[in-house]
């Protein structure tokens, strides 16, 4: 029941009407699968090459944090390869604080969301809550019967949980944002000029 239009054409009424969005499904370095209306795949080119292009998307209204619990889409040359994560996703920072997800092929489960919220409500900054949940749920590599040594780059073999975040000044750095009501939250930074990626093995 996750529609592509919730993420672009109607984002102000759906994705950008929440403080935090958690998606679980199928993804790749280029984006993630959604339902029509739309072409059923949110491609990075659809969020724009820079903030506010083609128009406001995430954070312009409300959303601060998005988690994509799926295979990718945060592959980067710093990890298993996969190009430049900032070139693909720089357009999401219309006030969005951080985009969290994986930088490899991962395994389906029913635990990530529960654990993420448990640790966020237990006093962890959101990025660290995501990292801990991922470390507890995913193995360190994605070796399986098809790829005994792990999936080839950029999809493996090591599984990395990652987060990209952006800000305009040290006063609105969201690296240590907490869930609302559990600690400090940075100011919004529309058109963030500083963008960082952080990651951990699982």
N, C-alpha and C. Protein backbone atom coordinates (compact mmCIF):
# COMPACT_ATOMS: atom_id res chain seq x y z
N UNK A 1 0.81 -1.21 0.00
CA UNK A 1 0.00 0.00 0.00
C UNK A 1 0.85 1.28 0.00
N UNK A 2 2.11 1.15 -0.37
CA UNK A 2 2.96 2.34 -0.49
C UNK A 2 2.95 2.77 -1.95
N UNK A 3 2.36 3.92 -2.23
CA UNK A 3 2.22 4.39 -3.60
C UNK A 3 3.37 5.31 -3.98
N UNK A 4 3.79 5.20 -5.23
CA UNK A 4 4.86 6.09 -5.68
C UNK A 4 4.45 7.55 -5.56
N UNK A 5 3.19 7.84 -5.82
CA UNK A 5 2.72 9.22 -5.74
C UNK A 5 2.85 9.79 -4.33
N UNK A 6 2.86 8.90 -3.30
CA UNK A 6 3.05 9.37 -1.92
C UNK A 6 4.41 10.01 -1.73
N UNK A 7 5.37 9.64 -2.60
CA UNK A 7 6.75 10.09 -2.46
C UNK A 7 7.11 11.25 -3.39
N UNK A 8 6.25 11.55 -4.36
CA UNK A 8 6.57 12.67 -5.25
C UNK A 8 5.36 13.58 -5.48
N UNK A 9 4.43 13.19 -6.36
CA UNK A 9 3.33 14.09 -6.71
C UNK A 9 2.50 14.51 -5.50
N UNK A 10 2.27 13.58 -4.55
CA UNK A 10 1.44 13.88 -3.38
C UNK A 10 2.24 13.84 -2.09
N UNK A 11 3.53 14.12 -2.16
CA UNK A 11 4.38 13.93 -0.97
C UNK A 11 3.96 14.83 0.19
N UNK A 12 3.45 16.03 -0.09
CA UNK A 12 3.08 16.93 1.01
C UNK A 12 1.95 16.35 1.87
N UNK A 13 1.13 15.49 1.29
CA UNK A 13 0.02 14.90 2.02
C UNK A 13 0.36 13.55 2.63
N UNK A 14 1.49 12.96 2.25
CA UNK A 14 1.81 11.63 2.73
C UNK A 14 3.21 11.57 3.34
N UNK A 15 4.24 11.27 2.55
CA UNK A 15 5.59 11.13 3.12
C UNK A 15 6.01 12.37 3.88
N UNK A 16 5.74 13.54 3.32
CA UNK A 16 6.19 14.77 3.96
C UNK A 16 5.20 15.30 4.99
N UNK A 17 4.19 14.50 5.31
CA UNK A 17 3.25 14.88 6.37
C UNK A 17 3.57 14.14 7.67
N UNK A 18 4.62 13.32 7.66
CA UNK A 18 5.04 12.56 8.85
C UNK A 18 6.39 13.07 9.32
N UNK A 19 6.73 12.80 10.58
CA UNK A 19 8.06 13.14 11.07
C UNK A 19 9.10 12.12 10.62
N UNK A 20 8.69 10.85 10.61
CA UNK A 20 9.61 9.77 10.26
C UNK A 20 8.86 8.76 9.38
N UNK A 21 9.54 8.29 8.34
CA UNK A 21 8.97 7.32 7.42
C UNK A 21 9.87 6.10 7.38
N UNK A 22 9.27 4.92 7.50
CA UNK A 22 10.01 3.66 7.47
C UNK A 22 9.44 2.82 6.34
N UNK A 23 10.28 2.50 5.35
CA UNK A 23 9.87 1.69 4.20
C UNK A 23 10.59 0.35 4.27
N UNK A 24 9.84 -0.73 4.07
CA UNK A 24 10.43 -2.07 3.92
C UNK A 24 9.90 -2.65 2.63
N UNK A 25 10.80 -3.14 1.78
CA UNK A 25 10.38 -3.67 0.49
C UNK A 25 11.58 -4.04 -0.35
N UNK A 26 11.52 -3.71 -1.64
CA UNK A 26 12.59 -4.05 -2.57
C UNK A 26 13.23 -2.76 -3.10
N UNK A 27 14.56 -2.79 -3.21
CA UNK A 27 15.28 -1.60 -3.66
C UNK A 27 16.55 -2.03 -4.40
N UNK A 28 17.23 -1.03 -4.93
CA UNK A 28 18.51 -1.21 -5.62
C UNK A 28 19.28 0.09 -5.40
N UNK A 29 20.50 0.19 -5.96
CA UNK A 29 21.21 1.46 -5.80
C UNK A 29 20.43 2.66 -6.35
N UNK A 30 19.52 2.41 -7.30
CA UNK A 30 18.85 3.50 -8.00
C UNK A 30 17.54 3.96 -7.38
N UNK A 31 16.99 3.19 -6.42
CA UNK A 31 15.71 3.58 -5.84
C UNK A 31 14.99 2.40 -5.25
N UNK A 32 13.64 2.55 -5.07
CA UNK A 32 12.88 1.47 -4.46
C UNK A 32 11.52 1.31 -5.11
N UNK A 33 10.98 0.09 -4.95
CA UNK A 33 9.75 -0.32 -5.60
C UNK A 33 8.55 0.20 -4.81
N UNK A 34 7.58 0.75 -5.53
CA UNK A 34 6.34 1.24 -4.94
C UNK A 34 5.19 0.84 -5.84
N UNK A 35 3.97 1.14 -5.45
CA UNK A 35 2.80 0.82 -6.25
C UNK A 35 2.35 2.02 -7.05
N UNK A 36 1.60 1.74 -8.13
CA UNK A 36 0.99 2.80 -8.92
C UNK A 36 -0.05 3.52 -8.04
N UNK A 37 -0.33 4.82 -8.29
CA UNK A 37 0.02 5.57 -9.48
C UNK A 37 1.49 5.97 -9.55
N UNK A 38 1.99 5.97 -10.78
CA UNK A 38 3.40 6.18 -11.04
C UNK A 38 3.92 4.98 -11.80
N UNK A 39 5.21 4.97 -12.07
CA UNK A 39 5.80 3.86 -12.84
C UNK A 39 6.24 2.71 -11.94
N UNK A 40 5.91 2.76 -10.65
CA UNK A 40 6.13 1.74 -9.63
C UNK A 40 7.58 1.61 -9.18
N UNK A 41 8.43 2.57 -9.52
CA UNK A 41 9.81 2.58 -9.03
C UNK A 41 10.23 4.03 -8.83
N UNK A 42 10.56 4.37 -7.59
CA UNK A 42 11.03 5.73 -7.31
C UNK A 42 12.52 5.78 -7.64
N UNK A 43 12.87 6.30 -8.79
CA UNK A 43 14.25 6.40 -9.26
C UNK A 43 14.87 7.68 -8.74
N UNK A 44 16.18 7.63 -8.46
CA UNK A 44 16.83 8.83 -7.91
C UNK A 44 16.67 10.03 -8.82
N UNK A 45 16.53 9.82 -10.13
CA UNK A 45 16.36 10.96 -11.05
C UNK A 45 15.03 11.67 -10.81
N UNK A 46 14.10 11.00 -10.15
CA UNK A 46 12.79 11.60 -9.89
C UNK A 46 12.79 12.50 -8.66
N UNK A 47 13.87 12.51 -7.89
CA UNK A 47 13.93 13.41 -6.74
C UNK A 47 14.78 14.64 -7.03
N UNK A 48 15.35 14.71 -8.24
CA UNK A 48 16.07 15.90 -8.65
C UNK A 48 17.56 15.81 -8.42
N UNK A 49 18.29 16.57 -9.21
CA UNK A 49 19.74 16.59 -9.13
C UNK A 49 20.24 17.45 -7.98
N UNK A 50 19.35 18.26 -7.44
CA UNK A 50 19.70 19.11 -6.31
C UNK A 50 18.41 19.45 -5.57
N UNK A 51 18.51 19.89 -4.32
CA UNK A 51 17.29 20.27 -3.60
C UNK A 51 16.48 21.30 -4.37
N UNK A 52 15.16 21.20 -4.23
CA UNK A 52 14.21 22.11 -4.87
C UNK A 52 14.22 22.02 -6.39
N UNK A 53 14.74 20.90 -6.91
CA UNK A 53 14.71 20.65 -8.35
C UNK A 53 14.35 19.19 -8.55
N UNK A 54 13.18 18.82 -9.04
CA UNK A 54 12.21 19.65 -9.76
C UNK A 54 11.24 20.43 -8.88
N UNK A 55 11.30 20.29 -7.60
CA UNK A 55 10.41 21.02 -6.71
C UNK A 55 10.58 20.46 -5.32
N UNK A 56 9.88 21.04 -4.37
CA UNK A 56 10.04 20.57 -3.00
C UNK A 56 9.61 19.12 -2.89
N UNK A 57 10.38 18.33 -2.16
CA UNK A 57 10.01 16.94 -1.90
C UNK A 57 10.06 16.69 -0.40
N UNK A 58 11.16 16.20 0.12
CA UNK A 58 11.15 15.68 1.49
C UNK A 58 11.76 16.67 2.48
N UNK A 59 10.96 17.06 3.42
CA UNK A 59 11.41 17.97 4.46
C UNK A 59 10.90 19.37 4.29
N UNK A 60 10.41 19.69 3.12
CA UNK A 60 9.87 21.03 2.90
C UNK A 60 8.67 21.28 3.79
N UNK A 61 7.92 20.21 4.09
CA UNK A 61 6.74 20.34 4.94
C UNK A 61 7.02 19.83 6.34
N UNK A 62 7.40 18.55 6.49
CA UNK A 62 7.53 18.01 7.84
C UNK A 62 8.62 16.94 7.99
N UNK A 63 8.70 15.97 7.12
CA UNK A 63 9.50 14.77 7.38
C UNK A 63 10.97 15.12 7.68
N UNK A 64 11.48 14.55 8.76
CA UNK A 64 12.87 14.75 9.13
C UNK A 64 13.74 13.54 8.78
N UNK A 65 13.17 12.33 8.91
CA UNK A 65 13.99 11.12 8.76
C UNK A 65 13.27 10.07 7.94
N UNK A 66 14.00 9.43 7.04
CA UNK A 66 13.47 8.34 6.23
C UNK A 66 14.41 7.16 6.34
N UNK A 67 13.83 5.97 6.56
CA UNK A 67 14.58 4.72 6.58
C UNK A 67 14.09 3.86 5.44
N UNK A 68 15.03 3.35 4.64
CA UNK A 68 14.72 2.42 3.56
C UNK A 68 15.32 1.07 3.94
N UNK A 69 14.48 0.21 4.51
CA UNK A 69 14.94 -1.11 4.95
C UNK A 69 14.79 -2.09 3.79
N UNK A 70 15.74 -2.04 2.88
CA UNK A 70 15.69 -2.84 1.67
C UNK A 70 17.10 -2.90 1.08
N UNK A 71 17.26 -3.68 0.03
CA UNK A 71 18.58 -3.85 -0.60
C UNK A 71 19.03 -2.54 -1.24
N UNK A 72 19.91 -1.82 -0.60
CA UNK A 72 20.29 -0.51 -1.06
C UNK A 72 19.36 0.50 -0.41
N UNK A 73 19.33 1.71 -0.88
CA UNK A 73 19.95 2.27 -2.07
C UNK A 73 21.17 3.14 -1.78
N UNK A 74 21.87 2.87 -0.66
CA UNK A 74 22.98 3.75 -0.27
C UNK A 74 24.35 3.18 -0.64
N UNK A 75 24.41 2.36 -1.70
CA UNK A 75 25.71 1.90 -2.17
C UNK A 75 26.57 3.10 -2.56
N UNK A 76 27.86 2.97 -2.29
CA UNK A 76 28.78 4.07 -2.56
C UNK A 76 30.17 3.50 -2.80
N UNK A 77 30.98 4.22 -3.57
CA UNK A 77 32.34 3.76 -3.84
C UNK A 77 33.18 3.63 -2.58
N UNK A 78 32.81 4.30 -1.51
CA UNK A 78 33.54 4.17 -0.25
C UNK A 78 33.32 2.81 0.39
N UNK A 79 32.29 2.08 -0.04
CA UNK A 79 31.94 0.81 0.58
C UNK A 79 32.18 -0.32 -0.42
N UNK A 80 31.13 -0.94 -0.92
CA UNK A 80 31.28 -2.03 -1.89
C UNK A 80 31.36 -1.53 -3.33
N UNK A 81 31.31 -0.22 -3.51
CA UNK A 81 31.22 0.34 -4.86
C UNK A 81 29.79 0.75 -5.12
N UNK A 82 29.53 1.17 -6.33
CA UNK A 82 28.17 1.55 -6.69
C UNK A 82 28.01 3.01 -7.04
N UNK A 83 29.13 3.72 -7.22
CA UNK A 83 29.05 5.11 -7.60
C UNK A 83 29.02 6.04 -6.41
N UNK A 84 28.53 7.24 -6.64
CA UNK A 84 28.52 8.29 -5.63
C UNK A 84 27.11 8.46 -5.09
N UNK A 85 26.92 8.10 -3.82
CA UNK A 85 25.59 8.17 -3.22
C UNK A 85 25.05 9.60 -3.21
N UNK A 86 25.93 10.58 -3.12
CA UNK A 86 25.48 11.98 -3.10
C UNK A 86 24.99 12.42 -4.47
N UNK A 87 25.63 11.93 -5.54
CA UNK A 87 25.16 12.27 -6.87
C UNK A 87 23.74 11.76 -7.10
N UNK A 88 23.44 10.59 -6.51
CA UNK A 88 22.11 10.03 -6.70
C UNK A 88 21.05 10.70 -5.83
N UNK A 89 21.38 11.01 -4.58
CA UNK A 89 20.35 11.38 -3.62
C UNK A 89 20.46 12.81 -3.07
N UNK A 90 21.30 13.65 -3.67
CA UNK A 90 21.43 15.02 -3.15
C UNK A 90 20.12 15.79 -3.22
N UNK A 91 19.25 15.43 -4.13
CA UNK A 91 18.00 16.17 -4.31
C UNK A 91 16.98 15.97 -3.21
N UNK A 92 17.23 15.05 -2.28
CA UNK A 92 16.22 14.78 -1.24
C UNK A 92 16.27 15.79 -0.10
N UNK A 93 17.31 16.60 -0.02
CA UNK A 93 17.50 17.45 1.15
C UNK A 93 16.79 18.80 1.02
N UNK A 94 15.46 18.72 0.99
CA UNK A 94 14.63 19.93 1.00
C UNK A 94 14.18 20.24 2.43
N UNK A 95 15.02 19.86 3.40
CA UNK A 95 14.68 19.98 4.81
C UNK A 95 14.79 18.63 5.51
N UNK A 96 14.85 17.53 4.71
CA UNK A 96 15.08 16.20 5.27
C UNK A 96 16.40 16.22 6.04
N UNK A 97 16.42 15.60 7.22
CA UNK A 97 17.64 15.56 8.02
C UNK A 97 18.53 14.40 7.61
N UNK A 98 17.95 13.18 7.49
CA UNK A 98 18.79 12.03 7.13
C UNK A 98 17.98 10.98 6.40
N UNK A 99 18.68 10.28 5.50
CA UNK A 99 18.15 9.13 4.77
C UNK A 99 18.98 7.94 5.19
N UNK A 100 18.34 6.96 5.83
CA UNK A 100 19.04 5.78 6.34
C UNK A 100 18.63 4.56 5.54
N UNK A 101 19.55 3.60 5.41
CA UNK A 101 19.25 2.39 4.67
C UNK A 101 20.45 1.47 4.62
N UNK A 102 20.50 0.68 3.57
CA UNK A 102 21.59 -0.28 3.39
C UNK A 102 22.40 0.04 2.15
N UNK A 103 23.64 -0.47 2.15
CA UNK A 103 24.53 -0.32 1.01
C UNK A 103 24.95 -1.69 0.50
N UNK A 104 23.99 -2.60 0.41
CA UNK A 104 24.23 -3.96 -0.06
C UNK A 104 22.90 -4.69 -0.15
N UNK A 105 22.94 -5.88 -0.75
CA UNK A 105 21.79 -6.77 -0.71
C UNK A 105 21.62 -7.27 0.72
N UNK A 106 20.38 -7.26 1.21
CA UNK A 106 20.09 -7.64 2.59
C UNK A 106 19.02 -8.73 2.60
N UNK A 107 18.69 -9.18 3.79
CA UNK A 107 17.71 -10.25 3.96
C UNK A 107 16.44 -9.72 4.59
N UNK A 108 15.29 -10.22 4.07
CA UNK A 108 13.99 -9.82 4.61
C UNK A 108 13.85 -10.27 6.06
N UNK A 109 13.14 -9.48 6.84
CA UNK A 109 12.89 -9.84 8.23
C UNK A 109 11.72 -9.00 8.74
N UNK A 110 11.29 -9.32 9.93
CA UNK A 110 10.18 -8.56 10.53
C UNK A 110 10.62 -7.84 11.79
N UNK A 111 11.92 -7.67 11.98
CA UNK A 111 12.44 -7.15 13.25
C UNK A 111 12.99 -5.72 13.17
N UNK A 112 13.44 -5.29 11.99
CA UNK A 112 14.16 -4.01 11.90
C UNK A 112 13.37 -2.83 12.44
N UNK A 113 12.12 -2.72 12.02
CA UNK A 113 11.33 -1.57 12.46
C UNK A 113 11.13 -1.54 13.96
N UNK A 114 10.78 -2.69 14.54
CA UNK A 114 10.56 -2.76 15.98
C UNK A 114 11.82 -2.42 16.75
N UNK A 115 12.95 -3.00 16.33
CA UNK A 115 14.21 -2.74 17.03
C UNK A 115 14.65 -1.28 16.88
N UNK A 116 14.48 -0.75 15.68
CA UNK A 116 14.85 0.65 15.45
C UNK A 116 14.11 1.57 16.40
N UNK A 117 12.81 1.38 16.52
CA UNK A 117 12.01 2.24 17.42
C UNK A 117 12.38 1.96 18.88
N UNK A 118 12.62 0.71 19.21
CA UNK A 118 13.01 0.37 20.58
C UNK A 118 14.26 1.13 20.99
N UNK A 119 15.27 1.15 20.13
CA UNK A 119 16.52 1.82 20.49
C UNK A 119 16.38 3.34 20.41
N UNK A 120 15.56 3.84 19.47
CA UNK A 120 15.33 5.28 19.40
C UNK A 120 14.62 5.78 20.66
N UNK A 121 13.66 5.00 21.16
CA UNK A 121 12.95 5.38 22.39
C UNK A 121 13.78 5.07 23.63
N UNK A 122 14.84 4.27 23.45
CA UNK A 122 15.71 3.93 24.57
C UNK A 122 16.87 4.88 24.75
N UNK A 123 16.91 5.96 23.96
CA UNK A 123 17.93 6.98 24.15
C UNK A 123 19.04 7.03 23.12
N UNK A 124 18.96 6.21 22.08
CA UNK A 124 19.97 6.27 21.02
C UNK A 124 19.62 7.38 20.02
N UNK A 125 20.62 8.11 19.50
CA UNK A 125 20.34 8.96 18.35
C UNK A 125 19.79 8.09 17.21
N UNK A 126 18.99 8.65 16.34
CA UNK A 126 18.29 7.86 15.34
C UNK A 126 19.24 7.08 14.43
N UNK A 127 20.31 7.70 13.97
CA UNK A 127 21.24 6.98 13.10
C UNK A 127 21.86 5.80 13.84
N UNK A 128 22.22 6.00 15.10
CA UNK A 128 22.80 4.91 15.89
C UNK A 128 21.77 3.83 16.19
N UNK A 129 20.51 4.23 16.39
CA UNK A 129 19.44 3.25 16.59
C UNK A 129 19.28 2.38 15.35
N UNK A 130 19.37 3.01 14.18
CA UNK A 130 19.30 2.26 12.93
C UNK A 130 20.49 1.30 12.81
N UNK A 131 21.68 1.78 13.13
CA UNK A 131 22.86 0.93 13.02
C UNK A 131 22.76 -0.27 13.96
N UNK A 132 22.33 -0.04 15.18
CA UNK A 132 22.26 -1.16 16.12
C UNK A 132 21.20 -2.18 15.67
N UNK A 133 20.05 -1.69 15.23
CA UNK A 133 19.01 -2.61 14.75
C UNK A 133 19.53 -3.43 13.58
N UNK A 134 20.21 -2.79 12.64
CA UNK A 134 20.74 -3.49 11.47
C UNK A 134 21.79 -4.54 11.87
N UNK A 135 22.66 -4.18 12.81
CA UNK A 135 23.68 -5.12 13.25
C UNK A 135 23.07 -6.34 13.91
N UNK A 136 21.96 -6.17 14.59
CA UNK A 136 21.33 -7.29 15.27
C UNK A 136 20.51 -8.17 14.34
N UNK A 137 20.07 -7.62 13.21
CA UNK A 137 19.18 -8.35 12.33
C UNK A 137 19.90 -8.97 11.13
N UNK A 138 20.86 -8.26 10.56
CA UNK A 138 21.52 -8.72 9.33
C UNK A 138 22.84 -9.42 9.66
N UNK A 139 23.21 -10.42 8.83
CA UNK A 139 24.55 -11.02 8.99
C UNK A 139 25.61 -10.06 8.47
N UNK A 140 26.88 -10.41 8.64
CA UNK A 140 27.95 -9.51 8.20
C UNK A 140 28.17 -9.54 6.70
N UNK A 141 27.83 -10.66 6.05
CA UNK A 141 27.93 -10.75 4.60
C UNK A 141 26.63 -11.32 4.06
N UNK A 142 26.44 -11.18 2.74
CA UNK A 142 25.24 -11.71 2.13
C UNK A 142 25.53 -12.96 1.31
N UNK A 143 26.43 -13.79 1.81
CA UNK A 143 26.70 -15.08 1.17
C UNK A 143 25.45 -15.94 1.23
N UNK A 144 25.14 -16.60 0.11
CA UNK A 144 24.00 -17.51 0.07
C UNK A 144 24.29 -18.61 -0.94
N UNK A 145 23.31 -19.43 -1.23
CA UNK A 145 23.53 -20.56 -2.14
C UNK A 145 23.89 -20.09 -3.55
N UNK A 146 23.34 -18.97 -3.96
CA UNK A 146 23.64 -18.45 -5.30
C UNK A 146 25.03 -17.85 -5.36
N UNK A 147 25.42 -17.13 -4.31
CA UNK A 147 26.74 -16.50 -4.24
C UNK A 147 27.42 -16.91 -2.94
N UNK A 148 28.08 -18.07 -2.92
CA UNK A 148 28.69 -18.57 -1.67
C UNK A 148 29.70 -17.61 -1.05
N UNK A 149 30.34 -16.79 -1.87
CA UNK A 149 31.29 -15.81 -1.35
C UNK A 149 30.67 -14.46 -1.09
N UNK A 150 29.36 -14.36 -1.24
CA UNK A 150 28.67 -13.09 -1.10
C UNK A 150 28.38 -12.49 -2.47
N UNK A 151 27.39 -11.63 -2.51
CA UNK A 151 27.02 -10.99 -3.77
C UNK A 151 28.18 -10.12 -4.27
N UNK A 152 28.36 -10.06 -5.60
CA UNK A 152 29.44 -9.21 -6.13
C UNK A 152 29.13 -7.73 -5.97
N UNK A 153 30.16 -6.91 -5.99
CA UNK A 153 30.01 -5.45 -5.88
C UNK A 153 29.10 -4.95 -7.02
N UNK A 154 28.29 -3.94 -6.76
CA UNK A 154 28.19 -3.14 -5.54
C UNK A 154 27.19 -3.68 -4.51
N UNK A 155 26.69 -4.90 -4.74
CA UNK A 155 25.65 -5.45 -3.88
C UNK A 155 26.18 -6.26 -2.70
N UNK A 156 27.47 -6.36 -2.55
CA UNK A 156 28.08 -7.13 -1.48
C UNK A 156 29.58 -7.21 -1.71
N UNK A 157 30.26 -8.12 -1.05
CA UNK A 157 29.70 -9.15 -0.17
C UNK A 157 29.39 -8.66 1.25
N UNK A 158 30.01 -7.56 1.67
CA UNK A 158 29.77 -7.07 3.03
C UNK A 158 28.48 -6.27 3.10
N UNK A 159 27.73 -6.47 4.16
CA UNK A 159 26.50 -5.71 4.37
C UNK A 159 26.83 -4.50 5.24
N UNK A 160 26.49 -3.33 4.72
CA UNK A 160 26.69 -2.08 5.45
C UNK A 160 25.35 -1.40 5.69
N UNK A 161 25.11 -0.98 6.91
CA UNK A 161 24.03 -0.05 7.20
C UNK A 161 24.62 1.35 7.06
N UNK A 162 23.89 2.24 6.45
CA UNK A 162 24.44 3.56 6.17
C UNK A 162 23.40 4.65 6.39
N UNK A 163 23.88 5.87 6.44
CA UNK A 163 23.00 7.03 6.53
C UNK A 163 23.69 8.20 5.83
N UNK A 164 22.93 8.95 5.08
CA UNK A 164 23.43 10.22 4.56
C UNK A 164 22.60 11.32 5.22
N UNK A 165 23.28 12.40 5.55
CA UNK A 165 22.58 13.52 6.19
C UNK A 165 23.18 14.81 5.67
N UNK A 166 22.41 15.88 5.80
CA UNK A 166 22.86 17.16 5.27
C UNK A 166 22.51 18.31 6.20
N UNK A 167 23.31 19.37 6.08
CA UNK A 167 23.05 20.56 6.89
C UNK A 167 23.78 21.74 6.27
N UNK A 168 23.42 22.93 6.73
CA UNK A 168 24.04 24.16 6.23
C UNK A 168 25.07 24.75 7.18
N UNK A 169 24.94 24.47 8.48
CA UNK A 169 25.90 25.00 9.44
C UNK A 169 26.03 24.02 10.60
N UNK A 170 27.07 24.18 11.40
CA UNK A 170 27.27 23.27 12.53
C UNK A 170 26.11 23.32 13.51
N UNK A 171 25.32 24.39 13.46
CA UNK A 171 24.22 24.53 14.39
C UNK A 171 23.00 23.69 14.00
N UNK A 172 22.98 23.18 12.77
CA UNK A 172 21.87 22.33 12.36
C UNK A 172 22.36 20.98 11.84
N UNK A 173 23.48 20.50 12.37
CA UNK A 173 24.02 19.19 12.02
C UNK A 173 23.14 18.10 12.64
N UNK A 174 22.50 17.25 11.83
CA UNK A 174 21.56 16.26 12.37
C UNK A 174 22.18 14.89 12.69
N UNK A 175 23.50 14.78 12.71
CA UNK A 175 24.11 13.47 12.95
C UNK A 175 23.60 12.86 14.26
N UNK A 176 23.38 13.66 15.26
CA UNK A 176 22.93 13.13 16.54
C UNK A 176 21.51 13.58 16.88
N UNK A 177 20.65 13.60 15.86
CA UNK A 177 19.23 13.82 16.09
C UNK A 177 18.66 12.66 16.90
N UNK A 178 17.75 12.99 17.79
CA UNK A 178 16.99 11.99 18.53
C UNK A 178 15.54 12.01 18.06
N UNK A 179 14.83 10.94 18.34
CA UNK A 179 13.40 10.93 18.12
C UNK A 179 12.78 12.08 18.91
N UNK A 180 11.76 12.73 18.31
CA UNK A 180 11.10 13.83 19.01
C UNK A 180 10.68 13.38 20.41
N UNK A 181 11.02 14.18 21.41
CA UNK A 181 10.65 13.89 22.78
C UNK A 181 11.69 13.08 23.54
N UNK A 182 12.77 12.68 22.86
CA UNK A 182 13.79 11.84 23.50
C UNK A 182 15.18 12.48 23.47
N UNK A 183 15.28 13.69 22.96
CA UNK A 183 16.56 14.37 22.91
C UNK A 183 16.53 15.48 21.88
N UNK A 184 17.65 16.15 21.67
CA UNK A 184 17.68 17.29 20.75
C UNK A 184 17.50 16.88 19.29
N UNK A 185 16.95 17.80 18.53
CA UNK A 185 16.75 17.63 17.09
C UNK A 185 17.27 18.89 16.41
N UNK A 186 18.07 18.70 15.37
CA UNK A 186 18.64 19.85 14.65
C UNK A 186 17.55 20.63 13.92
N UNK A 187 17.86 21.88 13.60
CA UNK A 187 16.98 22.67 12.76
C UNK A 187 16.99 22.10 11.35
N UNK A 188 15.93 22.36 10.60
CA UNK A 188 15.89 21.97 9.19
C UNK A 188 16.94 22.76 8.41
N UNK A 189 17.46 22.11 7.36
CA UNK A 189 18.45 22.76 6.50
C UNK A 189 18.05 22.60 5.04
N UNK A 190 17.02 23.32 4.58
CA UNK A 190 16.64 23.20 3.17
C UNK A 190 17.82 23.54 2.26
N UNK A 191 18.01 22.71 1.23
CA UNK A 191 19.12 22.93 0.31
C UNK A 191 20.47 22.70 0.96
N UNK A 192 20.57 21.71 1.83
CA UNK A 192 21.79 21.45 2.60
C UNK A 192 23.04 21.50 1.73
N UNK A 193 24.01 22.28 2.15
CA UNK A 193 25.26 22.43 1.39
C UNK A 193 26.34 21.47 1.86
N UNK A 194 26.22 20.96 3.09
CA UNK A 194 27.16 19.95 3.61
C UNK A 194 26.43 18.62 3.67
N UNK A 195 27.01 17.60 3.04
CA UNK A 195 26.39 16.28 3.04
C UNK A 195 27.43 15.25 3.43
N UNK A 196 27.04 14.33 4.28
CA UNK A 196 27.95 13.32 4.82
C UNK A 196 27.31 11.94 4.72
N UNK A 197 28.17 10.92 4.63
CA UNK A 197 27.71 9.54 4.74
C UNK A 197 28.45 8.90 5.90
N UNK A 198 27.73 8.15 6.70
CA UNK A 198 28.32 7.37 7.79
C UNK A 198 27.80 5.94 7.62
N UNK A 199 28.58 4.98 8.09
CA UNK A 199 28.16 3.59 7.91
C UNK A 199 28.78 2.71 8.97
N UNK A 200 28.24 1.50 9.05
CA UNK A 200 28.79 0.47 9.91
C UNK A 200 28.57 -0.88 9.25
N UNK A 201 29.47 -1.81 9.50
CA UNK A 201 29.23 -3.18 9.07
C UNK A 201 28.18 -3.80 9.95
N UNK A 202 27.54 -4.87 9.47
CA UNK A 202 26.48 -5.52 10.24
C UNK A 202 26.95 -6.83 10.84
